[in-house]
Amino acid sequence: MKNLRHILLPSFIAVLTMAVSCGGKNTGATLPDISGKAGEVEIVSTKAQWEAEPGGAIREVLAATYPYLPQTESLFRLYNVPPESFSQVFKLHRNMIRVNISDTCAASFTVRRNVWSQPQTVVFINAPSETEAADYIRSNGGALVKIFEQSERDRSVANARKYENGSLGMFVEQMYGGTPYFPSNYSLKKQNGDFLWISYETTYTNQGIFLYKFPYEGDFQFTPKYLIEKRDAVMKENVPGTAEGSYMITNPNIVPGFEWRTYAQRRFAEVRSLWDTQNDFMGGPFILDAFLGKDGKEVIVTEGFVYAPKYDKRDYVRQLEAILYSWHWSE
């Protein structure tokens, strides 16, 4: 077997809908496809607004540090487009915020889908003054982040489903009673009993997915301590490094992130942290989801990890997250 180096939301938001005069609407016409790169958000506002309080608040919220990466990366890449430059090419962007300062509008935001392209997400932020706009953006920052994260996730899930490796999904479904949608460039790298290692490799990157399961004994198994200890035991047995006696571990110097999440009516415990290698020099981010099997007798774990020492890793993590979130049970 090749070693590691070589084979390497819940209903979370209630959107405030405002009068059309303070927002935007879809004409219902056939729309072109979106433009822009994943993780980008276009901010349509005057240059003065971008450089003043509203722009500062947007950067504070959307350009905050993405958690659990080995280097600093922002949640989103932002760029400003003044209204006078808002031509057709900019109207096609995948993620957009339009800032409207007018004393006729109360502080609010409206989310609209597929306004000028598809699948597009546009957030219209309205406020009677720049100061109130900034305050409103900060107070609703969590919702704004989730809106764009959900949009990117849904696009990735849709693409994975459209271009899925159907035979791989059927194989996983037979073992686990369900499966994510694996993109066509993913393939099986290892099977050891109930443990599966599925991977997409390029010359310098590896996006890997682990699946394993164990008997459900109680809710104590859905704690970060238990899940990390179980993870480390499974990795030691199944995921070797390059050096003799080396294997994947969870970075012991990082306090893992832990949260219960719901996506597509499925509830699961999520752990985020960094992986490392015992007796070796490899590492990167990982995301782990744990949930009960369909019969409630087993805990199923799906995990995505990134090895990309030459590149930023945020977008790779988001791609894996979308695959994990696409889990669906067999009929």
Protein backbone atom coordinates (compact mmCIF):
# COMPACT_ATOMS: atom_id res chain seq x y z
CA MET A 1 0.00 0.00 0.00
CA LYS A 2 1.23 3.50 -0.77
CA ASN A 3 2.07 5.63 2.22
CA LEU A 4 0.30 8.81 3.23
CA ARG A 5 2.57 11.23 1.38
CA HIS A 6 2.17 9.50 -1.93
CA ILE A 7 -1.54 8.76 -1.90
CA LEU A 8 -2.16 11.73 -0.56
CA LEU A 9 -27.10 23.87 8.32
CA PRO A 10 -29.30 23.66 9.79
CA SER A 11 -32.28 25.74 9.18
CA PHE A 12 -30.21 28.50 10.66
CA ILE A 13 -31.54 31.82 9.34
CA ALA A 14 -34.82 33.67 9.28
CA VAL A 15 -34.43 36.20 6.45
CA LEU A 16 -36.13 39.56 6.79
CA THR A 17 -37.92 40.38 3.54
CA MET A 18 -38.42 44.08 2.92
CA ALA A 19 -40.25 46.19 0.38
CA VAL A 20 -39.05 45.84 -3.24
CA SER A 21 -38.01 49.52 -3.26
CA CYS A 22 -35.26 48.65 -0.74
CA GLY A 23 -34.19 45.36 -2.36
CA GLY A 24 -34.17 43.54 -5.68
CA LYS A 25 -36.11 40.88 -7.51
CA ASN A 26 -35.73 38.19 -10.11
CA THR A 27 -37.37 38.91 -13.45
CA GLY A 28 -38.07 35.22 -14.02
CA ALA A 29 -36.12 35.19 -17.29
CA THR A 30 -33.67 32.42 -18.22
CA LEU A 31 -30.43 33.29 -16.47
CA PRO A 32 -26.78 32.73 -17.41
CA ASP A 33 -24.43 30.74 -15.20
CA ILE A 34 -22.61 32.43 -12.35
CA SER A 35 -19.07 33.74 -12.62
CA GLY A 36 -16.31 34.17 -10.05
CA LYS A 37 -14.29 31.78 -7.94
CA ALA A 38 -15.56 29.83 -4.95
CA GLY A 39 -15.11 31.83 -1.77
CA GLU A 40 -15.37 35.25 -3.43
CA VAL A 41 -17.92 37.88 -2.43
CA GLU A 42 -18.47 40.98 -4.54
CA ILE A 43 -19.40 44.12 -2.58
CA VAL A 44 -21.37 46.66 -4.60
CA SER A 45 -21.02 49.98 -2.80
CA THR A 46 -19.54 53.40 -3.36
CA LYS A 47 -15.82 53.69 -2.81
CA ALA A 48 -16.51 56.04 0.10
CA GLN A 49 -18.78 53.44 1.76
CA TRP A 50 -16.22 50.69 1.16
CA GLU A 51 -13.45 52.72 2.79
CA ALA A 52 -15.66 53.94 5.66
CA GLU A 53 -17.77 52.23 8.32
CA PRO A 54 -19.90 49.88 6.14
CA GLY A 55 -16.88 48.48 4.32
CA GLY A 56 -14.95 48.10 7.56
CA ALA A 57 -17.81 46.14 9.11
CA ILE A 58 -18.09 43.86 6.08
CA ARG A 59 -14.36 43.13 6.16
CA GLU A 60 -14.51 42.51 9.91
CA VAL A 61 -17.25 39.91 9.41
CA LEU A 62 -16.52 38.23 6.07
CA ALA A 63 -12.74 38.54 6.01
CA ALA A 64 -12.32 37.13 9.53
CA THR A 65 -9.90 34.23 9.92
CA TYR A 66 -11.13 30.83 8.75
CA PRO A 67 -10.78 28.45 11.73
CA TYR A 68 -8.59 25.38 12.01
CA LEU A 69 -6.16 25.94 9.17
CA PRO A 70 -2.37 25.70 9.57
CA GLN A 71 -1.92 29.20 8.15
CA THR A 72 -4.05 32.36 8.24
CA GLU A 73 -6.75 32.53 5.56
CA SER A 74 -9.87 34.66 5.50
CA LEU A 75 -13.41 33.30 5.40
CA PHE A 76 -13.99 34.95 2.01
CA ARG A 77 -12.09 36.96 -0.59
CA LEU A 78 -13.75 40.36 -0.94
CA TYR A 79 -13.59 43.00 -3.62
CA ASN A 80 -15.45 46.24 -4.16
CA VAL A 81 -17.38 47.29 -7.28
CA PRO A 82 -18.72 50.87 -7.31
CA PRO A 83 -22.32 51.20 -8.57
CA GLU A 84 -21.21 53.17 -11.64
CA SER A 85 -19.01 50.21 -12.66
CA PHE A 86 -21.68 47.59 -12.03
CA SER A 87 -21.86 46.32 -15.61
CA GLN A 88 -23.26 43.02 -16.87
CA VAL A 89 -20.03 41.15 -16.21
CA PHE A 90 -20.20 42.03 -12.49
CA LYS A 91 -23.90 41.16 -12.29
CA LEU A 92 -23.07 37.50 -12.93
CA HIS A 93 -20.99 37.01 -9.80
CA ARG A 94 -21.89 34.04 -7.59
CA ASN A 95 -21.95 35.91 -4.24
CA MET A 96 -22.84 39.55 -3.87
CA ILE A 97 -23.66 42.21 -1.28
CA ARG A 98 -25.32 45.44 -2.40
CA VAL A 99 -25.19 48.30 0.08
CA ASN A 100 -27.99 50.85 -0.06
CA ILE A 101 -27.85 53.90 2.23
CA SER A 102 -31.13 55.80 2.16
CA ASP A 103 -33.19 57.55 4.80
CA THR A 104 -36.28 55.86 3.31
CA CYS A 105 -35.11 52.35 4.39
CA ALA A 106 -34.86 50.85 7.83
CA ALA A 107 -31.75 48.84 8.72
CA SER A 108 -32.32 45.38 7.23
CA PHE A 109 -31.01 42.81 4.85
CA THR A 110 -32.83 40.84 2.17
CA VAL A 111 -31.52 37.64 0.60
CA ARG A 112 -32.47 36.92 -3.01
CA ARG A 113 -31.44 34.02 -5.17
CA ASN A 114 -30.72 34.02 -8.90
CA VAL A 115 -31.21 37.73 -9.50
CA TRP A 116 -28.88 38.10 -12.52
CA SER A 117 -27.36 34.62 -12.83
CA GLN A 118 -27.72 31.14 -11.36
CA PRO A 119 -27.10 29.72 -8.80
CA GLN A 120 -26.50 33.20 -7.39
CA THR A 121 -26.89 34.66 -3.88
CA VAL A 122 -27.37 38.41 -3.45
CA VAL A 123 -27.72 40.11 -0.07
CA PHE A 124 -29.23 43.60 -0.16
CA ILE A 125 -28.20 45.58 2.90
CA ASN A 126 -30.27 48.68 3.58
CA ALA A 127 -29.77 51.34 6.24
CA PRO A 128 -30.60 55.01 6.77
CA SER A 129 -26.95 55.92 7.48
CA GLU A 130 -23.44 54.50 7.17
CA THR A 131 -23.13 54.15 10.94
CA GLU A 132 -26.40 52.21 11.22
CA ALA A 133 -25.35 50.05 8.27
CA ALA A 134 -22.08 49.15 10.01
CA ASP A 135 -23.82 48.41 13.30
CA TYR A 136 -26.41 46.24 11.56
CA ILE A 137 -23.74 44.31 9.62
CA ARG A 138 -21.81 43.54 12.80
CA SER A 139 -24.90 42.49 14.75
CA ASN A 140 -25.96 40.16 11.92
CA GLY A 141 -22.46 38.99 11.01
CA GLY A 142 -23.05 35.35 11.91
CA ALA A 143 -26.11 35.17 9.67
CA LEU A 144 -24.25 36.78 6.76
CA VAL A 145 -21.39 34.30 7.05
CA LYS A 146 -23.81 31.36 7.13
CA ILE A 147 -25.70 32.63 4.08
CA PHE A 148 -22.60 32.60 1.89
CA GLU A 149 -21.17 29.43 3.42
CA GLN A 150 -24.47 27.68 2.74
CA SER A 151 -24.53 28.96 -0.83
CA GLU A 152 -21.03 27.67 -1.55
CA ARG A 153 -21.81 24.35 0.13
CA ASP A 154 -25.03 23.88 -1.85
CA ARG A 155 -23.22 24.58 -5.13
CA SER A 156 -20.52 22.04 -4.29
CA VAL A 157 -23.11 19.42 -3.30
CA ALA A 158 -25.01 20.01 -6.54
CA ASN A 159 -21.82 19.63 -8.60
CA ALA A 160 -20.81 16.48 -6.73
CA ARG A 161 -24.24 15.00 -7.35
CA LYS A 162 -24.19 15.98 -11.02
CA TYR A 163 -20.75 14.49 -11.65
CA GLU A 164 -20.76 11.75 -9.03
CA ASN A 165 -18.84 8.49 -9.09
CA GLY A 166 -21.94 6.35 -8.98
CA SER A 167 -20.18 3.00 -8.58
CA LEU A 168 -18.17 4.29 -5.61
CA GLY A 169 -21.33 5.61 -3.99
CA MET A 170 -23.08 2.26 -4.44
CA PHE A 171 -20.13 0.48 -2.83
CA VAL A 172 -20.21 2.76 0.21
CA GLU A 173 -24.00 2.54 0.43
CA GLN A 174 -23.87 -1.25 0.64
CA MET A 175 -21.52 -1.01 3.63
CA TYR A 176 -23.07 1.89 5.52
CA GLY A 177 -26.69 2.15 4.40
CA GLY A 178 -25.99 5.56 2.91
CA THR A 179 -23.29 7.50 1.12
CA PRO A 180 -22.07 10.96 0.22
CA TYR A 181 -22.02 12.06 -3.41
CA PHE A 182 -18.41 11.45 -4.44
CA PRO A 183 -17.22 13.49 -7.45
CA SER A 184 -16.05 11.42 -10.39
CA ASN A 185 -12.36 12.08 -9.69
CA TYR A 186 -12.48 10.32 -6.30
CA SER A 187 -11.50 6.66 -6.00
CA LEU A 188 -11.10 3.96 -3.36
CA LYS A 189 -7.57 3.77 -1.94
CA LYS A 190 -7.93 1.33 0.92
CA GLN A 191 -10.41 -0.95 2.59
CA ASN A 192 -9.72 -2.64 5.91
CA GLY A 193 -12.89 -4.20 7.25
CA ASP A 194 -15.33 -1.34 7.87
CA PHE A 195 -12.65 1.28 7.27
CA LEU A 196 -12.61 2.98 3.86
CA TRP A 197 -10.09 5.48 2.52
CA ILE A 198 -11.30 7.40 -0.54
CA SER A 199 -9.14 10.01 -2.19
CA TYR A 200 -8.61 12.55 -4.95
CA GLU A 201 -4.94 13.21 -5.73
CA THR A 202 -2.99 15.65 -7.85
CA THR A 203 0.77 16.12 -8.02
CA TYR A 204 0.88 18.40 -4.97
CA THR A 205 -2.46 17.92 -3.21
CA ASN A 206 -4.53 15.20 -1.64
CA GLN A 207 -8.14 15.43 -0.51
CA GLY A 208 -8.94 12.28 1.40
CA ILE A 209 -12.11 10.91 2.96
CA PHE A 210 -12.21 8.27 5.70
CA LEU A 211 -15.30 6.28 6.67
CA TYR A 212 -15.58 3.95 9.64
CA LYS A 213 -18.20 2.83 12.16
CA PHE A 214 -18.48 1.30 15.60
CA PRO A 215 -21.31 0.08 17.89
CA TYR A 216 -23.37 2.77 19.58
CA GLU A 217 -23.18 2.47 23.36
CA GLY A 218 -24.34 5.89 24.55
CA ASP A 219 -24.25 9.62 24.00
CA PHE A 220 -20.81 9.81 25.66
CA GLN A 221 -19.48 8.68 22.28
CA PHE A 222 -20.57 12.00 20.77
CA THR A 223 -18.02 14.07 22.66
CA PRO A 224 -14.81 15.57 21.28
CA LYS A 225 -12.67 13.55 23.71
CA TYR A 226 -14.19 10.23 22.69
CA LEU A 227 -14.26 10.99 18.96
CA ILE A 228 -10.62 12.14 18.93
CA GLU A 229 -9.46 9.08 20.89
CA LYS A 230 -11.39 6.81 18.51
CA ARG A 231 -10.00 8.70 15.53
CA ASP A 232 -6.41 8.34 16.71
CA ALA A 233 -6.85 4.60 17.24
CA VAL A 234 -8.32 4.16 13.75
CA MET A 235 -5.64 6.31 12.11
CA LYS A 236 -2.79 4.46 13.86
CA GLU A 237 -4.05 1.19 12.44
CA ASN A 238 -4.91 2.36 8.94
CA VAL A 239 -3.05 5.53 7.87
CA PRO A 240 0.76 5.19 7.82
CA GLY A 241 3.20 8.02 7.17
CA THR A 242 6.40 7.86 5.15
CA ALA A 243 8.82 6.93 7.92
CA GLU A 244 8.99 3.54 9.56
CA GLY A 245 6.49 3.44 12.41
CA SER A 246 4.84 6.76 11.50
CA TYR A 247 1.09 7.28 11.26
CA MET A 248 -1.57 10.00 11.25
CA ILE A 249 -2.59 11.53 14.57
CA THR A 250 -4.67 14.46 15.75
CA ASN A 251 -2.48 17.47 16.55
CA PRO A 252 -2.23 17.30 20.37
CA ASN A 253 -1.55 21.05 20.72
CA ILE A 254 -4.85 22.19 19.21
CA VAL A 255 -8.15 22.29 21.10
CA PRO A 256 -10.61 20.83 18.56
CA GLY A 257 -13.72 22.70 17.51
CA PHE A 258 -16.94 20.85 18.30
CA GLU A 259 -20.51 21.62 17.29
CA TRP A 260 -23.81 19.85 16.68
CA ARG A 261 -25.08 20.59 13.18
CA THR A 262 -28.14 19.84 11.09
CA TYR A 263 -28.09 19.66 7.31
CA ALA A 264 -30.75 18.16 5.03
CA GLN A 265 -32.67 16.95 8.11
CA ARG A 266 -29.65 14.97 9.36
CA ARG A 267 -28.14 15.82 12.75
CA PHE A 268 -24.48 15.11 13.40
CA ALA A 269 -21.60 16.02 15.70
CA GLU A 270 -18.81 17.87 13.94
CA VAL A 271 -15.16 18.09 14.99
CA ARG A 272 -12.63 20.36 13.29
CA SER A 273 -8.93 20.44 13.98
CA LEU A 274 -5.49 19.79 12.50
CA TRP A 275 -3.93 16.40 11.82
CA ASP A 276 -0.27 15.63 12.28
CA THR A 277 1.99 12.61 11.81
CA GLN A 278 3.69 10.68 14.55
CA ASN A 279 7.43 10.39 13.74
CA ASP A 280 7.02 12.32 10.48
CA PHE A 281 6.55 15.87 9.20
CA MET A 282 3.19 15.97 7.49
CA GLY A 283 -0.01 17.73 8.53
CA GLY A 284 -3.06 19.72 7.57
CA PRO A 285 -6.72 20.39 8.44
CA PHE A 286 -9.52 17.88 8.85
CA ILE A 287 -13.29 17.90 9.44
CA LEU A 288 -15.03 14.93 11.07
CA ASP A 289 -18.77 14.23 11.20
CA ALA A 290 -20.26 11.55 13.48
CA PHE A 291 -23.89 10.43 13.47
CA LEU A 292 -26.08 7.46 14.21
CA GLY A 293 -26.66 4.84 11.57
CA LYS A 294 -30.10 4.35 10.13
CA ASP A 295 -30.98 1.63 12.65
CA GLY A 296 -29.58 3.61 15.61
CA LYS A 297 -27.20 0.79 16.54
CA GLU A 298 -23.96 2.16 15.08
CA VAL A 299 -22.02 5.40 15.03
CA ILE A 300 -20.87 6.31 11.53
CA VAL A 301 -17.91 8.63 11.08
CA THR A 302 -17.09 10.45 7.86
CA GLU A 303 -13.94 12.57 7.75
CA GLY A 304 -12.27 14.74 5.15
CA PHE A 305 -8.61 15.75 5.36
CA VAL A 306 -6.39 17.96 3.22
CA TYR A 307 -2.70 17.58 2.42
CA ALA A 308 -1.57 20.53 0.31
CA PRO A 309 1.76 21.86 1.62
CA LYS A 310 2.27 24.27 -1.30
CA TYR A 311 -1.20 25.85 -1.28
CA ASP A 312 -3.85 27.57 0.79
CA LYS A 313 -6.31 25.04 2.12
CA ARG A 314 -9.61 26.81 2.82
CA ASP A 315 -11.27 25.95 -0.47
CA TYR A 316 -10.08 22.34 -0.29
CA VAL A 317 -11.66 22.01 3.16
CA ARG A 318 -14.93 23.53 1.91
CA GLN A 319 -15.03 21.07 -0.98
CA LEU A 320 -14.61 18.14 1.40
CA GLU A 321 -17.17 19.60 3.80
CA ALA A 322 -19.70 19.70 0.97
CA ILE A 323 -19.07 16.05 0.14
CA LEU A 324 -19.55 15.02 3.77
CA TYR A 325 -22.70 17.13 4.05
CA SER A 326 -24.14 15.43 0.96
CA TRP A 327 -24.64 12.17 2.88
CA HIS A 328 -27.98 10.56 2.01
CA TRP A 329 -29.56 7.31 3.12
CA SER A 330 -30.48 4.54 0.73
CA GLU A 331 -34.15 4.23 -0.10
